[in-house]
Amino acid sequence: MVAALVFFVSCREKHEMTSSVTDRKHTPRMTEDSVTVLVSDSGVLRYRLTTDKWKVYDMADTPYWDFPNGLRFERFDLNYDIDAAIQCDKAVYYTNLEMWHLKGNIRAKNLEGDRFFTEELFWYQEEESVMSDSMITIIQEDKKIVGYGFTSNQTFTKYIIHHPTGIFPVMDQNQEEENNKAPQVMIAKGRAQ
């Protein structure tokens, strides 16, 4: 009977339970490494997203996906050639807002072959628009455009630079080679003989 009483008393002790996750707002539900996502449209492969790390924070006040090592997003034409792409060093996608926030060394190429370079970009999917307050450089076939502040459609084909700082001609490879072949004129200082 004494043994039964000791057992009963020891069973009534209060034990604290600890959960494995204490703060779901700041802990990802999912973490994946080396991810490639393929997206088709009407049965045709159209897009590819690749990233080294993908974290899903679905219990945060504003749920989001975090791509701390950046990502690359590519669009394919009907021959499966990449006709447009964007990549960055870090990205966050706010799922409820349908908004991407790209940061660091952003490089994009549109369907026309224009290349875009900036450090920060916001992509609003529902509005199908892109904007940035950072410095932007756009390299086209014949010129380079530089400025601050940028608004565009999501395909980067119709855009406005809010504060342009310069437009510079760009020589193609053939023009550079011709300039290098031109005879060099040397002027020597000295007395005429």
C-alpha atoms as a PDB file:
ATOM      1  CA  MET A   1       0.000   0.000   0.000  1.00  0.00           C
ATOM      2  CA  VAL A   2       2.873   2.400   0.740  1.00  0.00           C
ATOM      3  CA  ALA A   3       4.357   1.634  -2.704  1.00  0.00           C
ATOM      4  CA  ALA A   4       1.010   2.406  -4.338  1.00  0.00           C
ATOM      5  CA  LEU A   5       0.762   5.746  -2.474  1.00  0.00           C
ATOM      6  CA  VAL A   6       4.305   6.752  -3.502  1.00  0.00           C
ATOM      7  CA  PHE A   7       3.462   5.853  -7.103  1.00  0.00           C
ATOM      8  CA  PHE A   8       0.220   7.866  -6.949  1.00  0.00           C
ATOM      9  CA  VAL A   9       1.944  10.949  -5.461  1.00  0.00           C
ATOM     10  CA  SER A  10       4.769  10.802  -8.011  1.00  0.00           C
ATOM     11  CA  CYS A  11       2.235  10.582 -10.858  1.00  0.00           C
ATOM     12  CA  ARG A  12       0.504  13.742  -9.648  1.00  0.00           C
ATOM     13  CA  GLU A  13       3.608  15.885 -10.091  1.00  0.00           C
ATOM     14  CA  LYS A  14       3.134  18.607 -12.634  1.00  0.00           C
ATOM     15  CA  HIS A  15       5.279  18.141 -15.749  1.00  0.00           C
ATOM     16  CA  GLU A  16       5.810  20.978 -18.156  1.00  0.00           C
ATOM     17  CA  MET A  17       5.454  20.145 -21.795  1.00  0.00           C
ATOM     18  CA  THR A  18       7.622  22.023 -24.231  1.00  0.00           C
ATOM     19  CA  SER A  19       6.707  22.286 -27.850  1.00  0.00           C
ATOM     20  CA  SER A  20       9.294  21.734 -30.525  1.00  0.00           C
ATOM     21  CA  VAL A  21       8.311  25.032 -32.141  1.00  0.00           C
ATOM     22  CA  THR A  22       7.781  27.955 -29.813  1.00  0.00           C
ATOM     23  CA  ASP A  23       7.122  30.813 -32.236  1.00  0.00           C
ATOM     24  CA  ARG A  24       5.400  29.782 -35.478  1.00  0.00           C
ATOM     25  CA  LYS A  25       5.443  33.367 -36.770  1.00  0.00           C
ATOM     26  CA  HIS A  26       9.218  33.298 -37.079  1.00  0.00           C
ATOM     27  CA  THR A  27       9.763  29.620 -37.869  1.00  0.00           C
ATOM     28  CA  PRO A  28       9.376  28.305 -41.400  1.00  0.00           C
ATOM     29  CA  ARG A  29       6.854  25.540 -41.976  1.00  0.00           C
ATOM     30  CA  MET A  30       8.973  24.283 -44.855  1.00  0.00           C
ATOM     31  CA  THR A  31      12.623  24.650 -45.852  1.00  0.00           C
ATOM     32  CA  GLU A  32      13.827  23.185 -49.129  1.00  0.00           C
ATOM     33  CA  ASP A  33      17.290  23.144 -50.721  1.00  0.00           C
ATOM     34  CA  SER A  34      18.134  23.082 -54.459  1.00  0.00           C
ATOM     35  CA  VAL A  35      14.630  23.647 -55.817  1.00  0.00           C
ATOM     36  CA  THR A  36      13.553  23.735 -59.467  1.00  0.00           C
ATOM     37  CA  VAL A  37       9.900  24.469 -60.226  1.00  0.00           C
ATOM     38  CA  LEU A  38       8.530  24.059 -63.756  1.00  0.00           C
ATOM     39  CA  VAL A  39       5.272  25.770 -64.727  1.00  0.00           C
ATOM     40  CA  SER A  40       3.224  24.913 -67.794  1.00  0.00           C
ATOM     41  CA  ASP A  41       0.500  26.907 -69.503  1.00  0.00           C
ATOM     42  CA  SER A  42      -2.112  24.922 -71.476  1.00  0.00           C
ATOM     43  CA  GLY A  43       0.161  21.868 -71.374  1.00  0.00           C
ATOM     44  CA  VAL A  44       3.229  23.743 -72.686  1.00  0.00           C
ATOM     45  CA  LEU A  45       6.279  24.308 -70.476  1.00  0.00           C
ATOM     46  CA  ARG A  46       6.585  28.095 -70.087  1.00  0.00           C
ATOM     47  CA  TYR A  47       8.506  28.965 -66.897  1.00  0.00           C
ATOM     48  CA  ARG A  48      11.285  27.659 -64.659  1.00  0.00           C
ATOM     49  CA  LEU A  49      12.172  28.922 -61.181  1.00  0.00           C
ATOM     50  CA  THR A  50      15.429  27.747 -59.591  1.00  0.00           C
ATOM     51  CA  THR A  51      16.769  28.544 -56.131  1.00  0.00           C
ATOM     52  CA  ASP A  52      19.291  27.166 -53.630  1.00  0.00           C
ATOM     53  CA  LYS A  53      16.986  27.651 -50.633  1.00  0.00           C
ATOM     54  CA  TRP A  54      13.234  28.204 -50.185  1.00  0.00           C
ATOM     55  CA  LYS A  55      11.596  28.850 -46.800  1.00  0.00           C
ATOM     56  CA  VAL A  56       7.826  29.144 -46.280  1.00  0.00           C
ATOM     57  CA  TYR A  57       6.619  31.310 -43.358  1.00  0.00           C
ATOM     58  CA  ASP A  58       2.877  30.679 -43.567  1.00  0.00           C
ATOM     59  CA  MET A  59       2.076  31.683 -39.953  1.00  0.00           C
ATOM     60  CA  ALA A  60       3.762  35.110 -40.072  1.00  0.00           C
ATOM     61  CA  ASP A  61       1.532  38.175 -39.680  1.00  0.00           C
ATOM     62  CA  THR A  62       2.026  38.709 -43.421  1.00  0.00           C
ATOM     63  CA  PRO A  63       2.736  35.186 -44.793  1.00  0.00           C
ATOM     64  CA  TYR A  64       5.717  34.988 -47.132  1.00  0.00           C
ATOM     65  CA  TRP A  65       8.176  32.775 -48.941  1.00  0.00           C
ATOM     66  CA  ASP A  66      11.849  33.589 -48.396  1.00  0.00           C
ATOM     67  CA  PHE A  67      14.578  32.914 -50.937  1.00  0.00           C
ATOM     68  CA  PRO A  68      17.652  33.983 -48.888  1.00  0.00           C
ATOM     69  CA  ASN A  69      20.161  32.842 -51.520  1.00  0.00           C
ATOM     70  CA  GLY A  70      18.280  34.419 -54.412  1.00  0.00           C
ATOM     71  CA  LEU A  71      16.482  32.918 -57.365  1.00  0.00           C
ATOM     72  CA  ARG A  72      16.385  32.764 -61.145  1.00  0.00           C
ATOM     73  CA  PHE A  73      13.098  32.928 -63.050  1.00  0.00           C
ATOM     74  CA  GLU A  74      13.115  32.062 -66.772  1.00  0.00           C
ATOM     75  CA  ARG A  75      10.457  32.175 -69.475  1.00  0.00           C
ATOM     76  CA  PHE A  76      10.570  29.787 -72.438  1.00  0.00           C
ATOM     77  CA  ASP A  77       9.427  30.376 -76.012  1.00  0.00           C
ATOM     78  CA  LEU A  78       7.670  27.610 -77.964  1.00  0.00           C
ATOM     79  CA  ASN A  79      11.076  26.096 -78.914  1.00  0.00           C
ATOM     80  CA  TYR A  80      12.039  25.932 -75.201  1.00  0.00           C
ATOM     81  CA  ASP A  81      14.671  28.642 -75.613  1.00  0.00           C
ATOM     82  CA  ILE A  82      14.887  31.199 -72.794  1.00  0.00           C
ATOM     83  CA  ASP A  83      13.411  34.424 -74.139  1.00  0.00           C
ATOM     84  CA  ALA A  84      13.193  36.385 -70.863  1.00  0.00           C
ATOM     85  CA  ALA A  85      14.748  35.984 -67.416  1.00  0.00           C
ATOM     86  CA  ILE A  86      15.267  37.685 -64.068  1.00  0.00           C
ATOM     87  CA  GLN A  87      17.606  36.801 -61.208  1.00  0.00           C
ATOM     88  CA  CYS A  88      18.654  38.336 -57.903  1.00  0.00           C
ATOM     89  CA  ASP A  89      20.687  37.689 -54.745  1.00  0.00           C
ATOM     90  CA  LYS A  90      17.667  37.609 -52.374  1.00  0.00           C
ATOM     91  CA  ALA A  91      13.886  37.487 -52.836  1.00  0.00           C
ATOM     92  CA  VAL A  92      10.741  37.493 -50.714  1.00  0.00           C
ATOM     93  CA  TYR A  93       7.263  36.682 -52.024  1.00  0.00           C
ATOM     94  CA  TYR A  94       4.320  37.912 -49.901  1.00  0.00           C
ATOM     95  CA  THR A  95       1.645  35.324 -50.688  1.00  0.00           C
ATOM     96  CA  ASN A  96      -1.477  37.246 -49.588  1.00  0.00           C
ATOM     97  CA  LEU A  97      -0.314  40.455 -51.286  1.00  0.00           C
ATOM     98  CA  GLU A  98       0.889  38.681 -54.449  1.00  0.00           C
ATOM     99  CA  MET A  99       4.009  40.843 -54.337  1.00  0.00           C
ATOM    100  CA  TRP A 100       7.669  39.996 -54.940  1.00  0.00           C
ATOM    101  CA  HIS A 101      10.497  41.985 -53.327  1.00  0.00           C
ATOM    102  CA  LEU A 102      13.801  41.332 -55.105  1.00  0.00           C
ATOM    103  CA  LYS A 103      17.107  42.590 -53.702  1.00  0.00           C
ATOM    104  CA  GLY A 104      20.770  42.655 -54.613  1.00  0.00           C
ATOM    105  CA  ASN A 105      22.396  42.427 -58.034  1.00  0.00           C
ATOM    106  CA  ILE A 106      19.122  42.155 -59.975  1.00  0.00           C
ATOM    107  CA  ARG A 107      19.590  41.276 -63.633  1.00  0.00           C
ATOM    108  CA  ALA A 108      16.689  40.966 -66.057  1.00  0.00           C
ATOM    109  CA  LYS A 109      16.275  40.482 -69.800  1.00  0.00           C
ATOM    110  CA  ASN A 110      13.019  41.221 -71.596  1.00  0.00           C
ATOM    111  CA  LEU A 111      11.562  39.659 -74.755  1.00  0.00           C
ATOM    112  CA  GLU A 112      13.229  42.318 -76.914  1.00  0.00           C
ATOM    113  CA  GLY A 113      16.708  41.550 -75.542  1.00  0.00           C
ATOM    114  CA  ASP A 114      17.000  44.700 -73.406  1.00  0.00           C
ATOM    115  CA  ARG A 115      18.949  44.086 -70.187  1.00  0.00           C
ATOM    116  CA  PHE A 116      18.057  45.716 -66.851  1.00  0.00           C
ATOM    117  CA  PHE A 117      20.304  46.108 -63.786  1.00  0.00           C
ATOM    118  CA  THR A 118      19.246  47.422 -60.357  1.00  0.00           C
ATOM    119  CA  GLU A 119      19.590  46.671 -56.637  1.00  0.00           C
ATOM    120  CA  GLU A 120      15.933  46.561 -55.522  1.00  0.00           C
ATOM    121  CA  LEU A 121      12.678  45.815 -57.296  1.00  0.00           C
ATOM    122  CA  PHE A 122       9.014  45.291 -56.373  1.00  0.00           C
ATOM    123  CA  TRP A 123       6.812  43.157 -58.626  1.00  0.00           C
ATOM    124  CA  TYR A 124       3.036  43.422 -58.065  1.00  0.00           C
ATOM    125  CA  GLN A 125       1.536  40.385 -59.782  1.00  0.00           C
ATOM    126  CA  GLU A 126      -2.132  41.386 -59.583  1.00  0.00           C
ATOM    127  CA  GLU A 127      -1.387  44.788 -61.133  1.00  0.00           C
ATOM    128  CA  GLU A 128       1.139  43.215 -63.531  1.00  0.00           C
ATOM    129  CA  SER A 129       3.590  46.008 -62.720  1.00  0.00           C
ATOM    130  CA  VAL A 130       7.179  46.418 -61.562  1.00  0.00           C
ATOM    131  CA  MET A 131       8.735  49.394 -59.761  1.00  0.00           C
ATOM    132  CA  SER A 132      11.956  50.472 -58.136  1.00  0.00           C
ATOM    133  CA  ASP A 133      13.290  53.608 -56.427  1.00  0.00           C
ATOM    134  CA  SER A 134      16.892  52.454 -56.894  1.00  0.00           C
ATOM    135  CA  MET A 135      19.376  53.293 -59.625  1.00  0.00           C
ATOM    136  CA  ILE A 136      18.480  51.519 -62.861  1.00  0.00           C
ATOM    137  CA  THR A 137      20.644  50.774 -65.890  1.00  0.00           C
ATOM    138  CA  ILE A 138      19.043  49.562 -69.107  1.00  0.00           C
ATOM    139  CA  ILE A 139      21.245  48.318 -71.924  1.00  0.00           C
ATOM    140  CA  GLN A 140      19.629  48.219 -75.352  1.00  0.00           C
ATOM    141  CA  GLU A 141      21.225  47.288 -78.649  1.00  0.00           C
ATOM    142  CA  ASP A 142      22.414  50.822 -79.408  1.00  0.00           C
ATOM    143  CA  LYS A 143      22.362  52.681 -76.075  1.00  0.00           C
ATOM    144  CA  LYS A 144      22.657  52.525 -72.306  1.00  0.00           C
ATOM    145  CA  ILE A 145      20.086  54.417 -70.211  1.00  0.00           C
ATOM    146  CA  VAL A 146      20.827  55.277 -66.583  1.00  0.00           C
ATOM    147  CA  GLY A 147      18.575  56.841 -63.961  1.00  0.00           C
ATOM    148  CA  TYR A 148      16.820  56.604 -60.605  1.00  0.00           C
ATOM    149  CA  GLY A 149      13.303  55.311 -60.076  1.00  0.00           C
ATOM    150  CA  PHE A 150      11.622  52.992 -62.522  1.00  0.00           C
ATOM    151  CA  THR A 151       8.089  51.797 -63.324  1.00  0.00           C
ATOM    152  CA  SER A 152       7.272  49.096 -65.859  1.00  0.00           C
ATOM    153  CA  ASN A 153       4.809  46.465 -66.932  1.00  0.00           C
ATOM    154  CA  GLN A 154       5.793  42.992 -65.712  1.00  0.00           C
ATOM    155  CA  THR A 155       7.339  42.033 -69.062  1.00  0.00           C
ATOM    156  CA  PHE A 156       9.720  45.047 -68.964  1.00  0.00           C
ATOM    157  CA  THR A 157       8.560  46.170 -72.415  1.00  0.00           C
ATOM    158  CA  LYS A 158       6.858  49.471 -71.477  1.00  0.00           C
ATOM    159  CA  TYR A 159       8.740  51.429 -68.851  1.00  0.00           C
ATOM    160  CA  ILE A 160       9.430  54.887 -67.470  1.00  0.00           C
ATOM    161  CA  ILE A 161      12.616  56.052 -65.741  1.00  0.00           C
ATOM    162  CA  HIS A 162      11.535  58.734 -63.275  1.00  0.00           C
ATOM    163  CA  HIS A 163      14.859  60.583 -62.968  1.00  0.00           C
ATOM    164  CA  PRO A 164      17.075  59.813 -65.976  1.00  0.00           C
ATOM    165  CA  THR A 165      20.720  60.816 -65.599  1.00  0.00           C
ATOM    166  CA  GLY A 166      22.032  59.893 -69.021  1.00  0.00           C
ATOM    167  CA  ILE A 167      21.709  58.080 -72.310  1.00  0.00           C
ATOM    168  CA  PHE A 168      24.977  56.771 -73.717  1.00  0.00           C
ATOM    169  CA  PRO A 169      25.619  55.250 -77.153  1.00  0.00           C
ATOM    170  CA  VAL A 170      26.746  51.644 -77.160  1.00  0.00           C
ATOM    171  CA  MET A 171      29.074  50.455 -79.904  1.00  0.00           C
ATOM    172  CA  ASP A 172      28.587  47.008 -81.240  1.00  0.00           C
ATOM    173  CA  GLN A 173      31.549  44.643 -81.631  1.00  0.00           C
ATOM    174  CA  ASN A 174      32.116  45.572 -85.323  1.00  0.00           C
ATOM    175  CA  GLN A 175      32.197  49.326 -84.578  1.00  0.00           C
ATOM    176  CA  GLU A 176      34.761  48.807 -81.804  1.00  0.00           C
ATOM    177  CA  GLU A 177      36.979  46.724 -84.108  1.00  0.00           C
ATOM    178  CA  GLU A 178      36.790  49.380 -86.863  1.00  0.00           C
ATOM    179  CA  ASN A 179      37.749  52.119 -84.379  1.00  0.00           C
ATOM    180  CA  ASN A 180      40.734  50.056 -83.231  1.00  0.00           C
ATOM    181  CA  LYS A 181      41.897  49.570 -86.877  1.00  0.00           C
ATOM    182  CA  ALA A 182      41.789  53.307 -87.683  1.00  0.00           C
ATOM    183  CA  PRO A 183      45.255  54.797 -88.268  1.00  0.00           C
ATOM    184  CA  GLN A 184      46.712  56.422 -85.212  1.00  0.00           C
ATOM    185  CA  VAL A 185      47.856  60.029 -85.648  1.00  0.00           C
ATOM    186  CA  MET A 186      50.928  60.893 -83.645  1.00  0.00           C
ATOM    187  CA  ILE A 187      52.002  64.463 -83.050  1.00  0.00           C
ATOM    188  CA  ALA A 188      55.612  64.891 -82.052  1.00  0.00           C
ATOM    189  CA  LYS A 189      56.775  67.938 -80.166  1.00  0.00           C
ATOM    190  CA  GLY A 190      59.980  69.550 -81.285  1.00  0.00           C
ATOM    191  CA  ARG A 191      61.555  71.947 -83.748  1.00  0.00           C
ATOM    192  CA  ALA A 192      60.682  71.988 -87.324  1.00  0.00           C
ATOM    193  CA  GLN A 193      63.672  71.157 -89.545  1.00  0.00           C
END
